[in-house]
Amino acid sequence: MDHPRWIWQQPDWPRFHWRAERLAPLLRECAQAQGRLLGMVGATGSELAAQSELDVLLQNILTSSAIEGEQLNVGSVRSSLARRLGLEQSADGRVSPRSEGLAELMLDATQHFERPLDEQRLLHWHALLFPEQDELLPRRIHVGALRGEEPMQVVSGRLDSPTVHFEAPPRDGLERQLNDFLDWFASSRSDASLDPLLRAGIAHFWFVTLHPFDDGNGRLTRAITDLALAQAENQAIRFYAMSASILDDRSGYYRILESSQKGDLDISAWLEWFLGTLLRSLQQALARIDRVLAKSRFWQQHREQALSVEQIRVLNRLLDGGERGFEDGISASQYQAVAKVSKATATRHLSDLLEKGCLRRLPGGGRSTRYQINWTESATPSP
């Protein structure tokens, strides 16, 4: 008999195994980061927590689609999410069937983690991904139904000489294989011998390998992963977006999937990549929440200061950090551009913020002088 080309052709499929000692350090780090994150979230106010959850859910939806090469309308998706979270009274006409479906899917997967994942729920999720058949698609897909009879392959390269990166199990017997997965997903939640984070990684790999639909398999896989992580934490509120970390290493994601799907049933390498990516998403969330708390402490400290609208705008930009936050400090000319004030006013505002202790002057002088938030010890965000 020829050597199996794909993992699902292994005689013992899907009896996965892994090297526990190899994964133990990452599991400990993830568990510690989870605990710290949940503790920090408890220190935020309800309004900040709700806004943070909205931002994370939005990021998760946008990046999960971006992994597949699809760019969504950010405002439309945000409005659909905000209305469902009770943060907006109406959708003000900006939503679309696409954004509504994606928001409903994400919130069903995370907020209703106690509900069983059965085939009917999965088919409903698939229908939410494709509320309207796009006439520009090269082929019609089976919406809310399992894939058709043709072979399901992931290919790249020229049409006359394609590279087959993966081929999914044949259509015949797919219902049985999917039911095996769903039965395991239900029973494994109460398996005390299986770490919940490993369960999430196994679920991700197993489902994406089945590839049960014509299209949307990746996005549904990541929704199932979010569901498994919500079950692991036993809470509906999400404060980290794993899809964003997967997008950051998109090529690595596809490489480890391909190599693991061509390997044997030892999925240690896949689980190591999964846990490492999860840890990065937790660490990014910790840094973001830490900055939110530091910002809140900063404004509490300066609540009595009389500041102009322009000064507040610039301070918030600096406090928020990130790509647009002037991590290396802000110059007088940059202050002028952000605040939309004259050069003289910018100079006066900066002197006033220095005097009030809101900013500090960085080393350097003349036109190269830059200013940064004057963090106190109690308000400084962690590095």
Protein backbone atom coordinates (compact mmCIF):
# COMPACT_ATOMS: atom_id res chain seq x y z
CA MET A 1 0.00 0.00 0.00
CA ASP A 2 1.28 3.49 -0.87
CA HIS A 3 2.29 5.77 1.98
CA PRO A 4 -0.63 8.09 2.88
CA ARG A 5 -0.26 11.51 1.32
CA TRP A 6 -2.69 13.29 3.65
CA ILE A 7 -3.19 12.96 7.40
CA TRP A 8 -6.81 11.89 7.01
CA GLN A 9 -5.57 8.84 5.06
CA GLN A 10 -3.68 7.57 8.12
CA PRO A 11 -5.19 4.28 9.40
CA ASP A 12 -5.90 5.70 12.87
CA TRP A 13 -7.29 9.06 11.73
CA PRO A 14 -8.35 11.11 13.69
CA ARG A 15 -6.61 9.72 16.79
CA PHE A 16 -4.23 12.64 17.26
CA HIS A 17 -1.36 12.55 19.70
CA TRP A 18 1.27 15.03 20.83
CA ARG A 19 4.33 15.38 23.06
CA ALA A 20 3.01 16.87 26.29
CA GLU A 21 6.45 17.83 27.63
CA ARG A 22 7.10 19.92 24.51
CA LEU A 23 3.88 21.90 24.98
CA ALA A 24 3.89 22.26 28.77
CA PRO A 25 5.91 25.52 28.97
CA LEU A 26 3.67 27.26 26.43
CA LEU A 27 0.53 26.03 28.19
CA ARG A 28 1.80 27.49 31.48
CA GLU A 29 2.58 30.84 29.86
CA CYS A 30 -0.84 30.98 28.19
CA ALA A 31 -2.63 30.13 31.44
CA GLN A 32 -0.68 32.81 33.33
CA ALA A 33 -1.42 35.41 30.66
CA GLN A 34 -5.11 34.48 30.72
CA GLY A 35 -5.23 34.93 34.47
CA ARG A 36 -3.49 38.31 34.32
CA LEU A 37 -5.77 39.50 31.54
CA LEU A 38 -8.96 38.54 33.38
CA GLY A 39 -7.65 40.25 36.52
CA MET A 40 -6.81 43.46 34.64
CA VAL A 41 -10.18 43.49 32.89
CA GLY A 42 -11.84 43.39 36.30
CA ALA A 43 -10.10 46.69 37.09
CA THR A 44 -11.65 48.49 34.10
CA GLY A 45 -15.01 50.19 34.28
CA SER A 46 -18.01 48.67 32.54
CA GLU A 47 -17.98 51.33 29.83
CA LEU A 48 -14.30 50.76 29.04
CA ALA A 49 -14.83 46.98 29.11
CA ALA A 50 -17.75 47.22 26.66
CA GLN A 51 -15.76 49.40 24.27
CA SER A 52 -12.78 47.06 24.51
CA GLU A 53 -14.98 44.06 23.74
CA LEU A 54 -16.43 45.84 20.69
CA ASP A 55 -12.92 46.65 19.44
CA VAL A 56 -11.75 43.05 19.88
CA LEU A 57 -14.80 41.51 18.19
CA LEU A 58 -14.44 43.95 15.30
CA GLN A 59 -10.74 43.14 14.98
CA ASN A 60 -11.50 39.41 15.03
CA ILE A 61 -14.05 39.65 12.22
CA LEU A 62 -11.93 41.94 10.05
CA THR A 63 -8.74 39.91 10.43
CA SER A 64 -10.41 36.52 9.98
CA SER A 65 -11.69 37.74 6.60
CA ALA A 66 -8.34 39.37 5.79
CA ILE A 67 -6.63 36.00 6.23
CA GLU A 68 -8.74 34.85 3.27
CA GLY A 69 -7.88 37.99 1.30
CA GLU A 70 -11.23 39.74 1.86
CA GLN A 71 -11.38 43.39 2.97
CA LEU A 72 -14.61 44.26 4.79
CA ASN A 73 -16.33 47.61 5.29
CA VAL A 74 -15.11 48.51 8.77
CA GLY A 75 -17.88 51.00 9.55
CA SER A 76 -20.61 48.60 8.49
CA VAL A 77 -19.29 45.70 10.60
CA ARG A 78 -18.70 47.98 13.58
CA SER A 79 -22.24 49.33 13.41
CA SER A 80 -23.72 45.82 13.23
CA LEU A 81 -21.71 44.75 16.28
CA ALA A 82 -22.39 47.91 18.28
CA ARG A 83 -26.14 47.66 17.82
CA ARG A 84 -26.15 44.04 18.99
CA LEU A 85 -24.02 44.93 22.02
CA GLY A 86 -26.39 47.76 22.93
CA LEU A 87 -23.79 50.46 22.26
CA GLU A 88 -25.80 52.07 19.44
CA GLN A 89 -29.53 52.60 19.30
CA SER A 90 -29.83 52.08 15.56
CA ALA A 91 -27.76 50.90 12.63
CA ASP A 92 -28.15 54.35 10.95
CA GLY A 93 -28.29 52.76 7.51
CA ARG A 94 -24.62 51.74 7.40
CA VAL A 95 -25.07 48.01 7.83
CA SER A 96 -25.30 45.42 5.08
CA PRO A 97 -26.54 41.81 4.96
CA ARG A 98 -22.86 40.81 4.98
CA SER A 99 -21.97 42.79 8.11
CA GLU A 100 -25.15 41.68 9.87
CA GLY A 101 -24.39 38.03 9.17
CA LEU A 102 -20.78 38.28 10.33
CA ALA A 103 -21.75 40.09 13.53
CA GLU A 104 -24.46 37.53 14.33
CA LEU A 105 -22.04 34.64 13.71
CA MET A 106 -19.30 36.09 15.92
CA LEU A 107 -21.63 36.91 18.80
CA ASP A 108 -23.37 33.53 18.60
CA ALA A 109 -20.00 31.76 18.77
CA THR A 110 -18.73 33.77 21.73
CA GLN A 111 -21.74 34.91 23.77
CA HIS A 112 -23.65 31.62 23.51
CA PHE A 113 -20.75 29.30 24.25
CA GLU A 114 -22.97 27.08 26.41
CA ARG A 115 -25.12 26.05 23.45
CA PRO A 116 -24.15 22.75 21.79
CA LEU A 117 -22.38 22.93 18.45
CA ASP A 118 -24.42 20.66 16.22
CA GLU A 119 -24.74 20.37 12.46
CA GLN A 120 -27.81 22.63 12.33
CA ARG A 121 -25.97 25.44 14.12
CA LEU A 122 -22.95 24.98 11.89
CA LEU A 123 -25.06 25.15 8.72
CA HIS A 124 -26.71 28.30 10.05
CA TRP A 125 -23.29 29.87 10.58
CA HIS A 126 -22.38 29.03 7.01
CA ALA A 127 -25.55 30.69 5.75
CA LEU A 128 -24.66 33.80 7.76
CA LEU A 129 -21.33 33.99 5.89
CA PHE A 130 -23.11 34.13 2.55
CA PRO A 131 -26.36 36.10 2.94
CA GLU A 132 -26.28 36.97 -0.76
CA GLN A 133 -24.77 35.05 -3.64
CA ASP A 134 -22.23 37.32 -5.33
CA GLU A 135 -22.65 37.17 -9.08
CA LEU A 136 -18.93 37.94 -9.43
CA LEU A 137 -17.95 34.69 -7.72
CA PRO A 138 -16.45 32.21 -10.18
CA ARG A 139 -18.86 29.52 -9.08
CA ARG A 140 -22.03 29.14 -7.13
CA ILE A 141 -21.59 27.57 -3.71
CA HIS A 142 -23.87 25.45 -1.59
CA VAL A 143 -24.99 27.93 1.09
CA GLY A 144 -26.00 26.41 4.42
CA ALA A 145 -25.15 22.94 3.12
CA LEU A 146 -22.13 20.67 2.92
CA ARG A 147 -19.92 20.85 -0.16
CA GLY A 148 -20.61 19.21 -3.47
CA GLU A 149 -19.19 16.05 -4.98
CA GLU A 150 -16.15 17.54 -6.73
CA PRO A 151 -12.76 17.10 -4.99
CA MET A 152 -11.93 19.86 -2.48
CA GLN A 153 -8.37 21.04 -3.01
CA VAL A 154 -6.26 24.01 -1.91
CA VAL A 155 -4.10 24.90 -4.91
CA SER A 156 -1.82 27.65 -6.15
CA GLY A 157 0.25 28.34 -9.23
CA ARG A 158 -0.57 28.15 -12.93
CA LEU A 159 -3.79 26.60 -14.15
CA ASP A 160 -1.89 24.17 -16.38
CA SER A 161 0.55 23.22 -13.60
CA PRO A 162 -1.05 23.81 -10.19
CA THR A 163 0.54 23.02 -6.84
CA VAL A 164 -1.83 21.06 -4.60
CA HIS A 165 -1.19 22.16 -1.01
CA PHE A 166 -4.00 20.10 0.46
CA GLU A 167 -6.86 17.84 -0.52
CA ALA A 168 -9.76 17.34 1.88
CA PRO A 169 -11.44 13.99 2.60
CA PRO A 170 -13.83 12.89 -0.16
CA ARG A 171 -17.48 13.89 -0.10
CA ASP A 172 -18.57 10.30 0.46
CA GLY A 173 -18.64 9.79 4.22
CA LEU A 174 -18.27 13.49 5.03
CA GLU A 175 -21.45 13.54 7.15
CA ARG A 176 -20.08 10.74 9.32
CA GLN A 177 -16.71 12.45 9.72
CA LEU A 178 -18.34 15.76 10.61
CA ASN A 179 -20.59 14.05 13.17
CA ASP A 180 -17.51 12.39 14.71
CA PHE A 181 -15.95 15.83 15.08
CA LEU A 182 -19.11 17.35 16.61
CA ASP A 183 -19.49 14.42 19.03
CA TRP A 184 -15.86 14.86 20.12
CA PHE A 185 -16.30 18.63 20.49
CA ALA A 186 -19.26 18.03 22.82
CA SER A 187 -17.73 15.24 24.91
CA SER A 188 -14.19 16.67 25.14
CA ARG A 189 -15.37 19.75 27.02
CA SER A 190 -15.79 17.64 30.14
CA ASP A 191 -12.59 15.64 29.60
CA ALA A 192 -10.47 16.55 32.62
CA SER A 193 -7.39 14.97 31.03
CA LEU A 194 -7.46 17.35 28.05
CA ASP A 195 -6.26 20.92 28.56
CA PRO A 196 -8.97 23.31 27.24
CA LEU A 197 -6.42 25.26 25.20
CA LEU A 198 -5.15 22.09 23.54
CA ARG A 199 -8.79 21.24 22.83
CA ALA A 200 -9.16 24.56 20.99
CA GLY A 201 -6.05 23.82 18.92
CA ILE A 202 -7.21 20.29 18.07
CA ALA A 203 -10.67 21.56 17.10
CA HIS A 204 -9.10 24.15 14.80
CA PHE A 205 -6.90 21.62 13.02
CA TRP A 206 -9.50 18.85 12.79
CA PHE A 207 -12.27 21.03 11.36
CA VAL A 208 -10.12 22.86 8.82
CA THR A 209 -8.79 19.47 7.66
CA LEU A 210 -12.34 18.19 7.10
CA HIS A 211 -13.04 21.31 4.98
CA PRO A 212 -16.75 20.45 4.91
CA PHE A 213 -17.98 23.45 2.87
CA ASP A 214 -17.41 24.82 -0.62
CA ASP A 215 -16.18 28.11 0.85
CA GLY A 216 -15.84 29.78 4.25
CA ASN A 217 -14.04 26.87 5.95
CA GLY A 218 -11.27 29.06 7.35
CA ARG A 219 -13.63 31.62 8.84
CA LEU A 220 -15.85 28.92 10.37
CA THR A 221 -12.75 27.18 11.75
CA ARG A 222 -11.71 30.38 13.53
CA ALA A 223 -15.28 30.89 14.82
CA ILE A 224 -15.16 27.37 16.30
CA THR A 225 -11.79 28.25 17.84
CA ASP A 226 -13.31 31.37 19.43
CA LEU A 227 -16.17 29.21 20.75
CA ALA A 228 -13.70 26.71 22.24
CA LEU A 229 -11.67 29.52 23.86
CA ALA A 230 -14.83 31.07 25.33
CA GLN A 231 -15.71 27.66 26.75
CA ALA A 232 -12.17 27.31 28.12
CA GLU A 233 -12.54 30.60 30.01
CA ASN A 234 -16.20 30.03 30.78
CA GLN A 235 -17.07 33.59 29.84
CA ALA A 236 -18.65 35.31 26.85
CA ILE A 237 -16.68 38.57 26.86
CA ARG A 238 -13.66 38.53 24.55
CA PHE A 239 -10.61 40.69 25.17
CA TYR A 240 -8.18 39.24 22.66
CA ALA A 241 -8.41 38.51 18.94
CA MET A 242 -6.56 35.37 17.93
CA SER A 243 -7.41 35.89 14.26
CA ALA A 244 -5.35 39.09 14.36
CA SER A 245 -2.29 37.16 15.55
CA ILE A 246 -2.87 34.51 12.87
CA LEU A 247 -2.98 37.27 10.25
CA ASP A 248 0.33 38.63 11.57
CA ASP A 249 1.89 35.27 10.63
CA ARG A 250 -0.40 34.32 7.76
CA SER A 251 2.35 32.61 5.75
CA GLY A 252 3.45 30.68 8.84
CA TYR A 253 -0.17 29.66 9.45
CA TYR A 254 -0.52 28.14 6.00
CA ARG A 255 2.92 26.50 6.17
CA ILE A 256 2.26 24.74 9.47
CA LEU A 257 -1.18 23.62 8.31
CA GLU A 258 0.23 22.21 5.08
CA SER A 259 3.11 20.39 6.76
CA SER A 260 0.85 19.00 9.50
CA GLN A 261 -1.84 17.89 7.05
CA LYS A 262 0.86 16.01 5.12
CA GLY A 263 2.26 14.46 8.29
CA ASP A 264 1.31 11.70 10.66
CA LEU A 265 -1.06 11.92 13.61
CA ASP A 266 1.53 13.56 15.90
CA ILE A 267 0.33 17.17 15.76
CA SER A 268 2.82 18.55 18.30
CA ALA A 269 4.24 21.05 15.79
CA TRP A 270 0.78 22.40 14.96
CA LEU A 271 -0.20 22.70 18.63
CA GLU A 272 3.10 24.43 19.42
CA TRP A 273 2.42 27.01 16.69
CA PHE A 274 -1.19 27.41 17.86
CA LEU A 275 -0.24 28.00 21.49
CA GLY A 276 2.55 30.39 20.54
CA THR A 277 0.11 32.41 18.44
CA LEU A 278 -2.47 32.37 21.23
CA LEU A 279 0.18 33.60 23.69
CA ARG A 280 1.05 36.53 21.41
CA SER A 281 -2.60 37.53 21.17
CA LEU A 282 -2.93 37.39 24.96
CA GLN A 283 0.22 39.47 25.41
CA GLN A 284 -1.04 42.07 22.92
CA ALA A 285 -4.33 42.24 24.82
CA LEU A 286 -2.46 42.69 28.10
CA ALA A 287 -0.51 45.60 26.66
CA ARG A 288 -3.68 47.18 25.27
CA ILE A 289 -5.66 46.87 28.52
CA ASP A 290 -2.64 48.11 30.47
CA ARG A 291 -2.54 51.20 28.28
CA VAL A 292 -6.30 51.74 28.75
CA LEU A 293 -5.88 51.59 32.53
CA ALA A 294 -2.85 53.90 32.41
CA LYS A 295 -4.82 56.37 30.28
CA SER A 296 -7.68 56.28 32.76
CA ARG A 297 -5.26 56.92 35.65
CA PHE A 298 -3.62 59.79 33.72
CA TRP A 299 -6.93 61.60 33.21
CA GLN A 300 -7.93 60.96 36.80
CA GLN A 301 -4.68 62.58 37.90
CA HIS A 302 -5.21 65.64 35.65
CA ARG A 303 -8.99 65.94 36.09
CA GLU A 304 -8.65 69.39 37.68
CA GLN A 305 -6.50 70.83 34.89
CA ALA A 306 -8.08 73.38 32.56
CA LEU A 307 -7.17 72.13 29.10
CA SER A 308 -8.31 73.21 25.65
CA VAL A 309 -10.10 70.88 23.22
CA GLU A 310 -6.96 70.83 21.08
CA GLN A 311 -4.72 69.90 24.01
CA ILE A 312 -7.04 67.05 24.99
CA ARG A 313 -7.08 65.77 21.40
CA VAL A 314 -3.28 65.63 21.21
CA LEU A 315 -2.93 64.09 24.67
CA ASN A 316 -5.41 61.34 23.77
CA ARG A 317 -3.47 60.64 20.59
CA LEU A 318 -0.29 60.26 22.61
CA LEU A 319 -2.01 58.20 25.30
CA ASP A 320 -3.50 55.78 22.76
CA GLY A 321 -0.08 55.00 21.31
CA GLY A 322 0.14 52.63 18.37
CA GLU A 323 1.18 53.53 14.85
CA ARG A 324 -0.46 56.97 15.03
CA GLY A 325 0.54 57.70 18.63
CA PHE A 326 3.95 59.31 18.15
CA GLU A 327 5.83 56.68 20.16
CA ASP A 328 9.03 58.71 19.75
CA GLY A 329 7.39 61.90 20.99
CA ILE A 330 5.64 64.75 19.21
CA SER A 331 7.30 67.87 17.81
CA ALA A 332 5.85 71.38 17.73
CA SER A 333 5.14 71.09 13.99
CA GLN A 334 3.37 67.75 14.50
CA TYR A 335 1.35 69.23 17.37
CA GLN A 336 0.37 72.07 15.02
CA ALA A 337 -0.81 69.59 12.37
CA VAL A 338 -2.76 67.33 14.76
CA ALA A 339 -4.37 70.16 16.75
CA LYS A 340 -4.95 72.28 13.62
CA VAL A 341 -3.62 75.45 15.28
CA SER A 342 -1.05 78.08 14.35
CA LYS A 343 2.66 77.70 15.09
CA ALA A 344 2.48 80.26 17.89
CA THR A 345 -0.52 78.54 19.48
CA ALA A 346 1.20 75.14 19.26
CA THR A 347 4.23 76.54 21.09
CA ARG A 348 2.01 78.10 23.76
CA HIS A 349 0.00 74.88 24.22
CA LEU A 350 3.12 72.77 24.61
CA SER A 351 4.59 75.16 27.21
CA ASP A 352 1.31 75.04 29.12
CA LEU A 353 1.24 71.21 29.06
CA LEU A 354 4.82 71.13 30.32
CA GLU A 355 3.97 73.50 33.17
CA LYS A 356 0.93 71.44 34.14
CA GLY A 357 2.96 68.23 34.20
CA CYS A 358 1.05 66.57 31.35
CA LEU A 359 4.09 66.35 29.07
CA ARG A 360 7.83 66.08 29.51
CA ARG A 361 10.52 67.33 27.18
CA LEU A 362 12.68 64.63 25.62
CA PRO A 363 16.45 65.10 25.19
CA GLY A 364 17.33 67.34 22.24
CA GLY A 365 16.72 70.95 21.43
CA GLY A 366 15.74 73.50 18.82
CA ARG A 367 13.47 72.29 16.03
CA SER A 368 14.18 68.67 17.00
CA THR A 369 12.65 69.10 20.46
CA ARG A 370 10.03 66.43 21.10
CA TYR A 371 7.51 65.92 23.89
CA GLN A 372 6.03 62.79 25.43
CA ILE A 373 3.41 61.94 28.04
CA ASN A 374 4.71 62.59 31.54
CA TRP A 375 3.75 59.26 33.06
CA THR A 376 3.82 59.09 36.83
CA GLU A 377 4.92 55.84 38.45
CA SER A 378 1.31 54.88 39.18
CA ALA A 379 0.11 55.59 35.66
CA THR A 380 2.98 54.20 33.58
CA PRO A 381 1.88 51.36 31.28
CA SER A 382 3.94 48.19 31.42
CA PRO A 383 6.51 47.75 28.64
